[in-house]
Amino acid sequence: MIGSNMSKSLNEIDFAKRNGLLPVVVQDKNTKDILNLAYANREALENTIRTGSAWFWSTSRNKLWMKGEESGNVQPVEDIMLDCDYDALLYIVDSKTPMCHTGNRTCFHYRIKNDNM
């Protein structure tokens, strides 16, 4: 485990705050790059814990999905951290494949243009 020795149970997580969804930040364990921001409901989190692969709730398709089920770009989860308010997750992954559906390593590959800089 990469995180602290403190742990919480699934029953302590505040799924109710955002209508059953938790934001999930996905971070590469080696580079510390932020790869994605996605969402998980309880079932997605349970599947992630059970399988060791990143599962999410697709807000656009309104369905449960495992990252890589179509693309093959599975993201093995090494650790799961819960924030101090018990309503956001951090999946720490051993990423060997692109996270983004565009083929980029990270979904955060656009810089906001600022003409004043």
PDB file of N, CA and C in Angstrom:
ATOM      1  N   MET A   1       0.828  -1.188   0.000  1.00  0.00           N
ATOM      2  CA  MET A   1       0.000   0.000   0.000  1.00  0.00           C
ATOM      3  C   MET A   1       0.875   1.256   0.000  1.00  0.00           C
ATOM      4  N   ILE A   2       0.539   2.177  -0.844  1.00  0.00           N
ATOM      5  CA  ILE A   2       1.302   3.400  -0.979  1.00  0.00           C
ATOM      6  C   ILE A   2       0.884   4.425   0.079  1.00  0.00           C
ATOM      7  N   GLY A   3      -0.396   4.439   0.439  1.00  0.00           N
ATOM      8  CA  GLY A   3      -0.941   5.455   1.332  1.00  0.00           C
ATOM      9  C   GLY A   3      -0.606   5.232   2.790  1.00  0.00           C
ATOM     10  N   SER A   4      -1.320   5.943   3.634  1.00  0.00           N
ATOM     11  CA  SER A   4      -1.088   5.860   5.076  1.00  0.00           C
ATOM     12  C   SER A   4      -1.629   4.542   5.621  1.00  0.00           C
ATOM     13  N   ASN A   5      -1.380   4.315   6.886  1.00  0.00           N
ATOM     14  CA  ASN A   5      -1.878   3.117   7.550  1.00  0.00           C
ATOM     15  C   ASN A   5      -3.332   3.244   7.971  1.00  0.00           C
ATOM     16  N   MET A   6      -3.899   4.449   7.890  1.00  0.00           N
ATOM     17  CA  MET A   6      -5.292   4.636   8.252  1.00  0.00           C
ATOM     18  C   MET A   6      -6.172   4.075   7.142  1.00  0.00           C
ATOM     19  N   SER A   7      -7.257   3.441   7.529  1.00  0.00           N
ATOM     20  CA  SER A   7      -8.147   2.906   6.509  1.00  0.00           C
ATOM     21  C   SER A   7      -9.599   3.133   6.915  1.00  0.00           C
ATOM     22  N   LYS A   8     -10.475   3.114   5.941  1.00  0.00           N
ATOM     23  CA  LYS A   8     -11.905   3.297   6.126  1.00  0.00           C
ATOM     24  C   LYS A   8     -12.620   2.173   5.390  1.00  0.00           C
ATOM     25  N   SER A   9     -13.804   1.859   5.834  1.00  0.00           N
ATOM     26  CA  SER A   9     -14.595   0.830   5.174  1.00  0.00           C
ATOM     27  C   SER A   9     -15.479   1.473   4.103  1.00  0.00           C
ATOM     28  N   LEU A  10     -15.999   0.651   3.226  1.00  0.00           N
ATOM     29  CA  LEU A  10     -16.909   1.153   2.192  1.00  0.00           C
ATOM     30  C   LEU A  10     -18.120   1.835   2.807  1.00  0.00           C
ATOM     31  N   ASN A  11     -18.567   1.367   3.956  1.00  0.00           N
ATOM     32  CA  ASN A  11     -19.742   1.944   4.598  1.00  0.00           C
ATOM     33  C   ASN A  11     -19.509   3.346   5.140  1.00  0.00           C
ATOM     34  N   GLU A  12     -18.259   3.758   5.273  1.00  0.00           N
ATOM     35  CA  GLU A  12     -17.945   5.100   5.762  1.00  0.00           C
ATOM     36  C   GLU A  12     -17.860   6.127   4.629  1.00  0.00           C
ATOM     37  N   ILE A  13     -17.843   5.664   3.402  1.00  0.00           N
ATOM     38  CA  ILE A  13     -17.728   6.564   2.258  1.00  0.00           C
ATOM     39  C   ILE A  13     -19.063   7.258   2.012  1.00  0.00           C
ATOM     40  N   ASP A  14     -19.008   8.564   1.737  1.00  0.00           N
ATOM     41  CA  ASP A  14     -20.225   9.369   1.566  1.00  0.00           C
ATOM     42  C   ASP A  14     -20.687   9.368   0.107  1.00  0.00           C
ATOM     43  N   PHE A  15     -21.307   8.262  -0.300  1.00  0.00           N
ATOM     44  CA  PHE A  15     -21.837   8.169  -1.659  1.00  0.00           C
ATOM     45  C   PHE A  15     -23.054   9.067  -1.857  1.00  0.00           C
ATOM     46  N   ALA A  16     -23.745   9.420  -0.792  1.00  0.00           N
ATOM     47  CA  ALA A  16     -24.988  10.188  -0.900  1.00  0.00           C
ATOM     48  C   ALA A  16     -24.763  11.643  -1.290  1.00  0.00           C
ATOM     49  N   LYS A  17     -23.600  12.187  -0.976  1.00  0.00           N
ATOM     50  CA  LYS A  17     -23.361  13.622  -1.174  1.00  0.00           C
ATOM     51  C   LYS A  17     -23.567  14.064  -2.626  1.00  0.00           C
ATOM     52  N   ARG A  18     -23.117  13.283  -3.568  1.00  0.00           N
ATOM     53  CA  ARG A  18     -23.235  13.654  -4.996  1.00  0.00           C
ATOM     54  C   ARG A  18     -24.096  12.641  -5.742  1.00  0.00           C
ATOM     55  N   ASN A  19     -25.225  12.293  -5.136  1.00  0.00           N
ATOM     56  CA  ASN A  19     -26.171  11.364  -5.758  1.00  0.00           C
ATOM     57  C   ASN A  19     -25.538  10.034  -6.137  1.00  0.00           C
ATOM     58  N   GLY A  20     -24.695   9.511  -5.267  1.00  0.00           N
ATOM     59  CA  GLY A  20     -24.127   8.187  -5.473  1.00  0.00           C
ATOM     60  C   GLY A  20     -22.816   8.143  -6.229  1.00  0.00           C
ATOM     61  N   LEU A  21     -22.309   9.291  -6.668  1.00  0.00           N
ATOM     62  CA  LEU A  21     -21.062   9.318  -7.439  1.00  0.00           C
ATOM     63  C   LEU A  21     -19.952  10.022  -6.669  1.00  0.00           C
ATOM     64  N   LEU A  22     -18.771   9.457  -6.778  1.00  0.00           N
ATOM     65  CA  LEU A  22     -17.577  10.076  -6.204  1.00  0.00           C
ATOM     66  C   LEU A  22     -16.632  10.457  -7.334  1.00  0.00           C
ATOM     67  N   PRO A  23     -16.034  11.653  -7.283  1.00  0.00           N
ATOM     68  CA  PRO A  23     -14.979  11.942  -8.250  1.00  0.00           C
ATOM     69  C   PRO A  23     -13.768  11.062  -7.941  1.00  0.00           C
ATOM     70  N   VAL A  24     -13.127  10.597  -9.013  1.00  0.00           N
ATOM     71  CA  VAL A  24     -11.941   9.745  -8.880  1.00  0.00           C
ATOM     72  C   VAL A  24     -10.810  10.368  -9.683  1.00  0.00           C
ATOM     73  N   VAL A  25      -9.748  10.755  -8.989  1.00  0.00           N
ATOM     74  CA  VAL A  25      -8.537  11.215  -9.647  1.00  0.00           C
ATOM     75  C   VAL A  25      -7.688   9.967  -9.883  1.00  0.00           C
ATOM     76  N   VAL A  26      -7.175   9.820 -11.099  1.00  0.00           N
ATOM     77  CA  VAL A  26      -6.325   8.676 -11.433  1.00  0.00           C
ATOM     78  C   VAL A  26      -4.904   9.195 -11.608  1.00  0.00           C
ATOM     79  N   GLN A  27      -3.979   8.614 -10.833  1.00  0.00           N
ATOM     80  CA  GLN A  27      -2.587   9.080 -10.826  1.00  0.00           C
ATOM     81  C   GLN A  27      -1.638   7.915 -11.082  1.00  0.00           C
ATOM     82  N   ASP A  28      -0.632   8.156 -11.911  1.00  0.00           N
ATOM     83  CA  ASP A  28       0.400   7.159 -12.167  1.00  0.00           C
ATOM     84  C   ASP A  28       1.302   7.036 -10.942  1.00  0.00           C
ATOM     85  N   LYS A  29       1.533   5.812 -10.488  1.00  0.00           N
ATOM     86  CA  LYS A  29       2.318   5.599  -9.260  1.00  0.00           C
ATOM     87  C   LYS A  29       3.785   5.980  -9.421  1.00  0.00           C
ATOM     88  N   ASN A  30       4.323   5.872 -10.614  1.00  0.00           N
ATOM     89  CA  ASN A  30       5.745   6.149 -10.827  1.00  0.00           C
ATOM     90  C   ASN A  30       6.026   7.605 -11.160  1.00  0.00           C
ATOM     91  N   THR A  31       5.290   8.162 -12.107  1.00  0.00           N
ATOM     92  CA  THR A  31       5.560   9.529 -12.560  1.00  0.00           C
ATOM     93  C   THR A  31       4.808  10.574 -11.755  1.00  0.00           C
ATOM     94  N   LYS A  32       3.768  10.146 -11.056  1.00  0.00           N
ATOM     95  CA  LYS A  32       2.860  11.032 -10.307  1.00  0.00           C
ATOM     96  C   LYS A  32       1.995  11.878 -11.230  1.00  0.00           C
ATOM     97  N   ASP A  33       2.022  11.606 -12.546  1.00  0.00           N
ATOM     98  CA  ASP A  33       1.154  12.317 -13.488  1.00  0.00           C
ATOM     99  C   ASP A  33      -0.301  12.057 -13.154  1.00  0.00           C
ATOM    100  N   ILE A  34      -1.128  13.087 -13.283  1.00  0.00           N
ATOM    101  CA  ILE A  34      -2.571  12.925 -13.171  1.00  0.00           C
ATOM    102  C   ILE A  34      -3.056  12.480 -14.549  1.00  0.00           C
ATOM    103  N   LEU A  35      -3.677  11.318 -14.594  1.00  0.00           N
ATOM    104  CA  LEU A  35      -4.061  10.727 -15.870  1.00  0.00           C
ATOM    105  C   LEU A  35      -5.512  11.001 -16.245  1.00  0.00           C
ATOM    106  N   ASN A  36      -6.378  11.149 -15.239  1.00  0.00           N
ATOM    107  CA  ASN A  36      -7.800  11.292 -15.548  1.00  0.00           C
ATOM    108  C   ASN A  36      -8.547  11.764 -14.313  1.00  0.00           C
ATOM    109  N   LEU A  37      -9.720  12.322 -14.557  1.00  0.00           N
ATOM    110  CA  LEU A  37     -10.716  12.569 -13.524  1.00  0.00           C
ATOM    111  C   LEU A  37     -11.981  11.878 -14.011  1.00  0.00           C
ATOM    112  N   ALA A  38     -12.442  10.923 -13.239  1.00  0.00           N
ATOM    113  CA  ALA A  38     -13.628  10.159 -13.614  1.00  0.00           C
ATOM    114  C   ALA A  38     -14.540  10.070 -12.393  1.00  0.00           C
ATOM    115  N   TYR A  39     -15.554   9.227 -12.480  1.00  0.00           N
ATOM    116  CA  TYR A  39     -16.506   9.068 -11.378  1.00  0.00           C
ATOM    117  C   TYR A  39     -16.718   7.595 -11.084  1.00  0.00           C
ATOM    118  N   ALA A  40     -16.998   7.301  -9.823  1.00  0.00           N
ATOM    119  CA  ALA A  40     -17.294   5.930  -9.426  1.00  0.00           C
ATOM    120  C   ALA A  40     -18.506   5.925  -8.505  1.00  0.00           C
ATOM    121  N   ASN A  41     -19.374   4.951  -8.718  1.00  0.00           N
ATOM    122  CA  ASN A  41     -20.420   4.687  -7.750  1.00  0.00           C
ATOM    123  C   ASN A  41     -19.930   3.526  -6.885  1.00  0.00           C
ATOM    124  N   ARG A  42     -20.748   3.065  -5.970  1.00  0.00           N
ATOM    125  CA  ARG A  42     -20.316   1.999  -5.068  1.00  0.00           C
ATOM    126  C   ARG A  42     -19.938   0.735  -5.837  1.00  0.00           C
ATOM    127  N   GLU A  43     -20.738   0.384  -6.848  1.00  0.00           N
ATOM    128  CA  GLU A  43     -20.458  -0.825  -7.620  1.00  0.00           C
ATOM    129  C   GLU A  43     -19.120  -0.729  -8.347  1.00  0.00           C
ATOM    130  N   ALA A  44     -18.819   0.434  -8.924  1.00  0.00           N
ATOM    131  CA  ALA A  44     -17.533   0.626  -9.610  1.00  0.00           C
ATOM    132  C   ALA A  44     -16.377   0.473  -8.634  1.00  0.00           C
ATOM    133  N   LEU A  45     -16.516   1.049  -7.447  1.00  0.00           N
ATOM    134  CA  LEU A  45     -15.459   0.926  -6.447  1.00  0.00           C
ATOM    135  C   LEU A  45     -15.313  -0.525  -5.988  1.00  0.00           C
ATOM    136  N   GLU A  46     -16.415  -1.194  -5.758  1.00  0.00           N
ATOM    137  CA  GLU A  46     -16.358  -2.609  -5.362  1.00  0.00           C
ATOM    138  C   GLU A  46     -15.690  -3.452  -6.437  1.00  0.00           C
ATOM    139  N   ASN A  47     -16.009  -3.188  -7.714  1.00  0.00           N
ATOM    140  CA  ASN A  47     -15.383  -3.922  -8.822  1.00  0.00           C
ATOM    141  C   ASN A  47     -13.883  -3.630  -8.897  1.00  0.00           C
ATOM    142  N   THR A  48     -13.501  -2.386  -8.651  1.00  0.00           N
ATOM    143  CA  THR A  48     -12.082  -2.018  -8.653  1.00  0.00           C
ATOM    144  C   THR A  48     -11.345  -2.784  -7.561  1.00  0.00           C
ATOM    145  N   ILE A  49     -11.921  -2.826  -6.378  1.00  0.00           N
ATOM    146  CA  ILE A  49     -11.298  -3.542  -5.255  1.00  0.00           C
ATOM    147  C   ILE A  49     -11.212  -5.039  -5.569  1.00  0.00           C
ATOM    148  N   ARG A  50     -12.283  -5.586  -6.122  1.00  0.00           N
ATOM    149  CA  ARG A  50     -12.345  -7.024  -6.390  1.00  0.00           C
ATOM    150  C   ARG A  50     -11.400  -7.453  -7.508  1.00  0.00           C
ATOM    151  N   THR A  51     -11.317  -6.654  -8.589  1.00  0.00           N
ATOM    152  CA  THR A  51     -10.553  -7.061  -9.771  1.00  0.00           C
ATOM    153  C   THR A  51      -9.132  -6.503  -9.826  1.00  0.00           C
ATOM    154  N   GLY A  52      -8.892  -5.388  -9.133  1.00  0.00           N
ATOM    155  CA  GLY A  52      -7.588  -4.737  -9.214  1.00  0.00           C
ATOM    156  C   GLY A  52      -7.426  -3.871 -10.450  1.00  0.00           C
ATOM    157  N   SER A  53      -8.480  -3.731 -11.235  1.00  0.00           N
ATOM    158  CA  SER A  53      -8.473  -2.855 -12.416  1.00  0.00           C
ATOM    159  C   SER A  53      -9.436  -1.693 -12.178  1.00  0.00           C
ATOM    160  N   ALA A  54      -9.158  -0.560 -12.814  1.00  0.00           N
ATOM    161  CA  ALA A  54      -9.954   0.646 -12.604  1.00  0.00           C
ATOM    162  C   ALA A  54     -11.330   0.530 -13.260  1.00  0.00           C
ATOM    163  N   TRP A  55     -12.365   0.673 -12.436  1.00  0.00           N
ATOM    164  CA  TRP A  55     -13.762   0.714 -12.887  1.00  0.00           C
ATOM    165  C   TRP A  55     -14.329   2.078 -12.563  1.00  0.00           C
ATOM    166  N   PHE A  56     -15.257   2.532 -13.419  1.00  0.00           N
ATOM    167  CA  PHE A  56     -15.858   3.846 -13.252  1.00  0.00           C
ATOM    168  C   PHE A  56     -17.347   3.795 -13.605  1.00  0.00           C
ATOM    169  N   TRP A  57     -18.020   4.913 -13.317  1.00  0.00           N
ATOM    170  CA  TRP A  57     -19.382   5.126 -13.785  1.00  0.00           C
ATOM    171  C   TRP A  57     -19.304   6.185 -14.859  1.00  0.00           C
ATOM    172  N   SER A  58     -19.752   5.843 -16.061  1.00  0.00           N
ATOM    173  CA  SER A  58     -19.740   6.796 -17.160  1.00  0.00           C
ATOM    174  C   SER A  58     -20.946   7.722 -17.034  1.00  0.00           C
ATOM    175  N   THR A  59     -20.687   9.004 -16.824  1.00  0.00           N
ATOM    176  CA  THR A  59     -21.781   9.967 -16.715  1.00  0.00           C
ATOM    177  C   THR A  59     -22.380  10.288 -18.085  1.00  0.00           C
ATOM    178  N   SER A  60     -21.630  10.094 -19.148  1.00  0.00           N
ATOM    179  CA  SER A  60     -22.160  10.366 -20.486  1.00  0.00           C
ATOM    180  C   SER A  60     -22.969   9.197 -21.036  1.00  0.00           C
ATOM    181  N   ARG A  61     -22.540   7.975 -20.717  1.00  0.00           N
ATOM    182  CA  ARG A  61     -23.250   6.782 -21.202  1.00  0.00           C
ATOM    183  C   ARG A  61     -24.181   6.191 -20.141  1.00  0.00           C
ATOM    184  N   ASN A  62     -24.083   6.731 -18.928  1.00  0.00           N
ATOM    185  CA  ASN A  62     -24.923   6.292 -17.818  1.00  0.00           C
ATOM    186  C   ASN A  62     -24.804   4.789 -17.582  1.00  0.00           C
ATOM    187  N   LYS A  63     -23.536   4.332 -17.507  1.00  0.00           N
ATOM    188  CA  LYS A  63     -23.313   2.905 -17.278  1.00  0.00           C
ATOM    189  C   LYS A  63     -21.966   2.657 -16.621  1.00  0.00           C
ATOM    190  N   LEU A  64     -21.865   1.499 -16.017  1.00  0.00           N
ATOM    191  CA  LEU A  64     -20.639   1.034 -15.387  1.00  0.00           C
ATOM    192  C   LEU A  64     -19.665   0.579 -16.476  1.00  0.00           C
ATOM    193  N   TRP A  65     -18.381   0.876 -16.302  1.00  0.00           N
ATOM    194  CA  TRP A  65     -17.387   0.410 -17.278  1.00  0.00           C
ATOM    195  C   TRP A  65     -16.023   0.216 -16.641  1.00  0.00           C
ATOM    196  N   MET A  66     -15.298  -0.736 -17.180  1.00  0.00           N
ATOM    197  CA  MET A  66     -13.926  -0.967 -16.771  1.00  0.00           C
ATOM    198  C   MET A  66     -13.011  -0.304 -17.797  1.00  0.00           C
ATOM    199  N   LYS A  67     -12.078   0.502 -17.330  1.00  0.00           N
ATOM    200  CA  LYS A  67     -11.137   1.147 -18.242  1.00  0.00           C
ATOM    201  C   LYS A  67     -10.353   0.067 -18.973  1.00  0.00           C
ATOM    202  N   GLY A  68     -10.409   0.125 -20.293  1.00  0.00           N
ATOM    203  CA  GLY A  68      -9.683  -0.829 -21.119  1.00  0.00           C
ATOM    204  C   GLY A  68     -10.526  -1.975 -21.637  1.00  0.00           C
ATOM    205  N   GLU A  69     -11.812  -2.029 -21.237  1.00  0.00           N
ATOM    206  CA  GLU A  69     -12.636  -3.149 -21.697  1.00  0.00           C
ATOM    207  C   GLU A  69     -12.808  -3.141 -23.216  1.00  0.00           C
ATOM    208  N   GLU A  70     -12.741  -1.985 -23.830  1.00  0.00           N
ATOM    209  CA  GLU A  70     -12.840  -1.898 -25.294  1.00  0.00           C
ATOM    210  C   GLU A  70     -11.481  -1.629 -25.933  1.00  0.00           C
ATOM    211  N   SER A  71     -10.682  -0.749 -25.319  1.00  0.00           N
ATOM    212  CA  SER A  71      -9.407  -0.326 -25.915  1.00  0.00           C
ATOM    213  C   SER A  71      -8.243  -1.263 -25.574  1.00  0.00           C
ATOM    214  N   GLY A  72      -8.388  -2.032 -24.508  1.00  0.00           N
ATOM    215  CA  GLY A  72      -7.282  -2.846 -24.037  1.00  0.00           C
ATOM    216  C   GLY A  72      -6.348  -2.094 -23.098  1.00  0.00           C
ATOM    217  N   ASN A  73      -6.614  -0.798 -22.885  1.00  0.00           N
ATOM    218  CA  ASN A  73      -5.768   0.034 -22.031  1.00  0.00           C
ATOM    219  C   ASN A  73      -6.202  -0.061 -20.561  1.00  0.00           C
ATOM    220  N   VAL A  74      -6.117  -1.265 -20.027  1.00  0.00           N
ATOM    221  CA  VAL A  74      -6.497  -1.523 -18.637  1.00  0.00           C
ATOM    222  C   VAL A  74      -5.544  -0.771 -17.710  1.00  0.00           C
ATOM    223  N   GLN A  75      -6.081  -0.235 -16.626  1.00  0.00           N
ATOM    224  CA  GLN A  75      -5.273   0.489 -15.646  1.00  0.00           C
ATOM    225  C   GLN A  75      -5.269  -0.288 -14.327  1.00  0.00           C
ATOM    226  N   PRO A  76      -4.179  -1.024 -14.027  1.00  0.00           N
ATOM    227  CA  PRO A  76      -4.087  -1.774 -12.774  1.00  0.00           C
ATOM    228  C   PRO A  76      -3.985  -0.832 -11.573  1.00  0.00           C
ATOM    229  N   VAL A  77      -4.877  -1.000 -10.621  1.00  0.00           N
ATOM    230  CA  VAL A  77      -4.911  -0.131  -9.442  1.00  0.00           C
ATOM    231  C   VAL A  77      -4.044  -0.732  -8.343  1.00  0.00           C
ATOM    232  N   GLU A  78      -3.059   0.043  -7.903  1.00  0.00           N
ATOM    233  CA  GLU A  78      -2.134  -0.388  -6.857  1.00  0.00           C
ATOM    234  C   GLU A  78      -2.616   0.020  -5.472  1.00  0.00           C
ATOM    235  N   ASP A  79      -3.343   1.142  -5.405  1.00  0.00           N
ATOM    236  CA  ASP A  79      -3.803   1.652  -4.115  1.00  0.00           C
ATOM    237  C   ASP A  79      -5.007   2.552  -4.363  1.00  0.00           C
ATOM    238  N   ILE A  80      -5.846   2.663  -3.358  1.00  0.00           N
ATOM    239  CA  ILE A  80      -7.002   3.549  -3.416  1.00  0.00           C
ATOM    240  C   ILE A  80      -6.974   4.396  -2.159  1.00  0.00           C
ATOM    241  N   MET A  81      -7.003   5.694  -2.347  1.00  0.00           N
ATOM    242  CA  MET A  81      -7.005   6.627  -1.223  1.00  0.00           C
ATOM    243  C   MET A  81      -8.353   7.357  -1.193  1.00  0.00           C
ATOM    244  N   LEU A  82      -8.810   7.645   0.013  1.00  0.00           N
ATOM    245  CA  LEU A  82     -10.055   8.364   0.247  1.00  0.00           C
ATOM    246  C   LEU A  82      -9.707   9.709   0.859  1.00  0.00           C
ATOM    247  N   ASP A  83     -10.364  10.776   0.404  1.00  0.00           N
ATOM    248  CA  ASP A  83     -10.049  12.097   0.942  1.00  0.00           C
ATOM    249  C   ASP A  83     -10.638  12.279   2.343  1.00  0.00           C
ATOM    250  N   CYS A  84     -10.294  13.396   2.963  1.00  0.00           N
ATOM    251  CA  CYS A  84     -10.657  13.670   4.359  1.00  0.00           C
ATOM    252  C   CYS A  84     -12.156  13.843   4.580  1.00  0.00           C
ATOM    253  N   ASP A  85     -12.916  14.178   3.534  1.00  0.00           N
ATOM    254  CA  ASP A  85     -14.364  14.315   3.656  1.00  0.00           C
ATOM    255  C   ASP A  85     -15.103  13.033   3.293  1.00  0.00           C
ATOM    256  N   TYR A  86     -14.357  12.004   2.934  1.00  0.00           N
ATOM    257  CA  TYR A  86     -14.913  10.692   2.566  1.00  0.00           C
ATOM    258  C   TYR A  86     -15.809  10.761   1.326  1.00  0.00           C
ATOM    259  N   ASP A  87     -15.486  11.668   0.395  1.00  0.00           N
ATOM    260  CA  ASP A  87     -16.354  11.816  -0.777  1.00  0.00           C
ATOM    261  C   ASP A  87     -15.596  11.983  -2.091  1.00  0.00           C
ATOM    262  N   ALA A  88     -14.314  11.643  -2.102  1.00  0.00           N
ATOM    263  CA  ALA A  88     -13.519  11.670  -3.335  1.00  0.00           C
ATOM    264  C   ALA A  88     -12.427  10.615  -3.212  1.00  0.00           C
ATOM    265  N   LEU A  89     -12.084  10.014  -4.357  1.00  0.00           N
ATOM    266  CA  LEU A  89     -11.111   8.928  -4.380  1.00  0.00           C
ATOM    267  C   LEU A  89      -9.898   9.270  -5.227  1.00  0.00           C
ATOM    268  N   LEU A  90      -8.799   8.629  -4.905  1.00  0.00           N
ATOM    269  CA  LEU A  90      -7.587   8.676  -5.707  1.00  0.00           C
ATOM    270  C   LEU A  90      -7.215   7.235  -6.024  1.00  0.00           C
ATOM    271  N   TYR A  91      -7.232   6.888  -7.320  1.00  0.00           N
ATOM    272  CA  TYR A  91      -6.741   5.574  -7.743  1.00  0.00           C
ATOM    273  C   TYR A  91      -5.290   5.766  -8.151  1.00  0.00           C
ATOM    274  N   ILE A  92      -4.409   5.055  -7.505  1.00  0.00           N
ATOM    275  CA  ILE A  92      -2.990   5.079  -7.874  1.00  0.00           C
ATOM    276  C   ILE A  92      -2.746   3.846  -8.730  1.00  0.00           C
ATOM    277  N   VAL A  93      -2.375   4.086  -9.993  1.00  0.00           N
ATOM    278  CA  VAL A  93      -2.303   3.003 -10.969  1.00  0.00           C
ATOM    279  C   VAL A  93      -0.878   2.782 -11.460  1.00  0.00           C
ATOM    280  N   ASP A  94      -0.639   1.554 -11.899  1.00  0.00           N
ATOM    281  CA  ASP A  94       0.621   1.200 -12.546  1.00  0.00           C
ATOM    282  C   ASP A  94       0.353   1.229 -14.041  1.00  0.00           C
ATOM    283  N   SER A  95       0.356   2.432 -14.589  1.00  0.00           N
ATOM    284  CA  SER A  95      -0.089   2.656 -15.961  1.00  0.00           C
ATOM    285  C   SER A  95       0.999   2.320 -16.977  1.00  0.00           C
ATOM    286  N   LYS A  96       0.700   1.371 -17.836  1.00  0.00           N
ATOM    287  CA  LYS A  96       1.621   0.986 -18.914  1.00  0.00           C
ATOM    288  C   LYS A  96       1.054   1.362 -20.284  1.00  0.00           C
ATOM    289  N   THR A  97      -0.199   1.811 -20.302  1.00  0.00           N
ATOM    290  CA  THR A  97      -0.892   2.124 -21.552  1.00  0.00           C
ATOM    291  C   THR A  97      -1.545   3.498 -21.438  1.00  0.00           C
ATOM    292  N   PRO A  98      -1.951   4.085 -22.562  1.00  0.00           N
ATOM    293  CA  PRO A  98      -2.618   5.391 -22.513  1.00  0.00           C
ATOM    294  C   PRO A  98      -3.903   5.328 -21.685  1.00  0.00           C
ATOM    295  N   MET A  99      -4.156   6.379 -20.938  1.00  0.00           N
ATOM    296  CA  MET A  99      -5.395   6.476 -20.166  1.00  0.00           C
ATOM    297  C   MET A  99      -6.496   7.116 -20.996  1.00  0.00           C
ATOM    298  N   CYS A 100      -6.132   8.059 -21.833  1.00  0.00           N
ATOM    299  CA  CYS A 100      -7.126   8.838 -22.575  1.00  0.00           C
ATOM    300  C   CYS A 100      -7.639   8.078 -23.800  1.00  0.00           C
ATOM    301  N   HIS A 101      -8.933   8.234 -24.070  1.00  0.00           N
ATOM    302  CA  HIS A 101      -9.532   7.586 -25.242  1.00  0.00           C
ATOM    303  C   HIS A 101      -8.972   8.130 -26.553  1.00  0.00           C
ATOM    304  N   THR A 102      -8.263   9.275 -26.496  1.00  0.00           N
ATOM    305  CA  THR A 102      -7.654   9.853 -27.700  1.00  0.00           C
ATOM    306  C   THR A 102      -6.328   9.194 -28.043  1.00  0.00           C
ATOM    307  N   GLY A 103      -5.838   8.346 -27.119  1.00  0.00           N
ATOM    308  CA  GLY A 103      -4.542   7.710 -27.308  1.00  0.00           C
ATOM    309  C   GLY A 103      -3.422   8.408 -26.565  1.00  0.00           C
ATOM    310  N   ASN A 104      -3.714   9.566 -25.975  1.00  0.00           N
ATOM    311  CA  ASN A 104      -2.718  10.261 -25.157  1.00  0.00           C
ATOM    312  C   ASN A 104      -2.563   9.548 -23.820  1.00  0.00           C
ATOM    313  N   ARG A 105      -1.386   9.664 -23.253  1.00  0.00           N
ATOM    314  CA  ARG A 105      -1.112   9.039 -21.957  1.00  0.00           C
ATOM    315  C   ARG A 105      -2.050   9.554 -20.868  1.00  0.00           C
ATOM    316  N   THR A 106      -2.276  10.858 -20.850  1.00  0.00           N
ATOM    317  CA  THR A 106      -3.147  11.495 -19.875  1.00  0.00           C
ATOM    318  C   THR A 106      -4.280  12.215 -20.583  1.00  0.00           C
ATOM    319  N   CYS A 107      -5.397  12.341 -19.904  1.00  0.00           N
ATOM    320  CA  CYS A 107      -6.522  13.098 -20.466  1.00  0.00           C
ATOM    321  C   CYS A 107      -6.268  14.601 -20.369  1.00  0.00           C
ATOM    322  N   PHE A 108      -5.291  14.988 -19.568  1.00  0.00           N
ATOM    323  CA  PHE A 108      -4.969  16.403 -19.385  1.00  0.00           C
ATOM    324  C   PHE A 108      -3.817  16.788 -20.303  1.00  0.00           C
ATOM    325  N   HIS A 109      -4.147  16.994 -21.576  1.00  0.00           N
ATOM    326  CA  HIS A 109      -3.102  17.334 -22.541  1.00  0.00           C
ATOM    327  C   HIS A 109      -3.359  18.662 -23.257  1.00  0.00           C
ATOM    328  N   TYR A 110      -4.407  19.387 -22.860  1.00  0.00           N
ATOM    329  CA  TYR A 110      -4.674  20.712 -23.431  1.00  0.00           C
ATOM    330  C   TYR A 110      -4.339  21.777 -22.408  1.00  0.00           C
ATOM    331  N   ARG A 111      -3.635  22.772 -22.842  1.00  0.00           N
ATOM    332  CA  ARG A 111      -3.337  23.938 -22.001  1.00  0.00           C
ATOM    333  C   ARG A 111      -4.343  25.023 -22.350  1.00  0.00           C
ATOM    334  N   ILE A 112      -4.858  25.698 -21.330  1.00  0.00           N
ATOM    335  CA  ILE A 112      -5.775  26.810 -21.564  1.00  0.00           C
ATOM    336  C   ILE A 112      -4.970  27.990 -22.085  1.00  0.00           C
ATOM    337  N   LYS A 113      -5.416  28.520 -23.209  1.00  0.00           N
ATOM    338  CA  LYS A 113      -4.743  29.649 -23.809  1.00  0.00           C
ATOM    339  C   LYS A 113      -5.095  30.922 -23.039  1.00  0.00           C
ATOM    340  N   ASN A 114      -4.064  31.680 -22.699  1.00  0.00           N
ATOM    341  CA  ASN A 114      -4.252  32.938 -22.015  1.00  0.00           C
ATOM    342  C   ASN A 114      -3.494  33.999 -22.780  1.00  0.00           C
ATOM    343  N   ASP A 115      -4.227  34.866 -23.466  1.00  0.00           N
ATOM    344  CA  ASP A 115      -3.589  35.893 -24.288  1.00  0.00           C
ATOM    345  C   ASP A 115      -2.891  36.953 -23.447  1.00  0.00           C
ATOM    346  N   ASN A 116      -3.145  36.983 -22.147  1.00  0.00           N
ATOM    347  CA  ASN A 116      -2.537  38.003 -21.276  1.00  0.00           C
ATOM    348  C   ASN A 116      -1.208  37.540 -20.693  1.00  0.00           C
ATOM    349  N   MET A 117      -0.791  36.325 -20.984  1.00  0.00           N
ATOM    350  CA  MET A 117       0.458  35.819 -20.408  1.00  0.00           C
ATOM    351  C   MET A 117       1.608  36.042 -21.360  1.00  0.00           C
TER     352      MET A 117
END
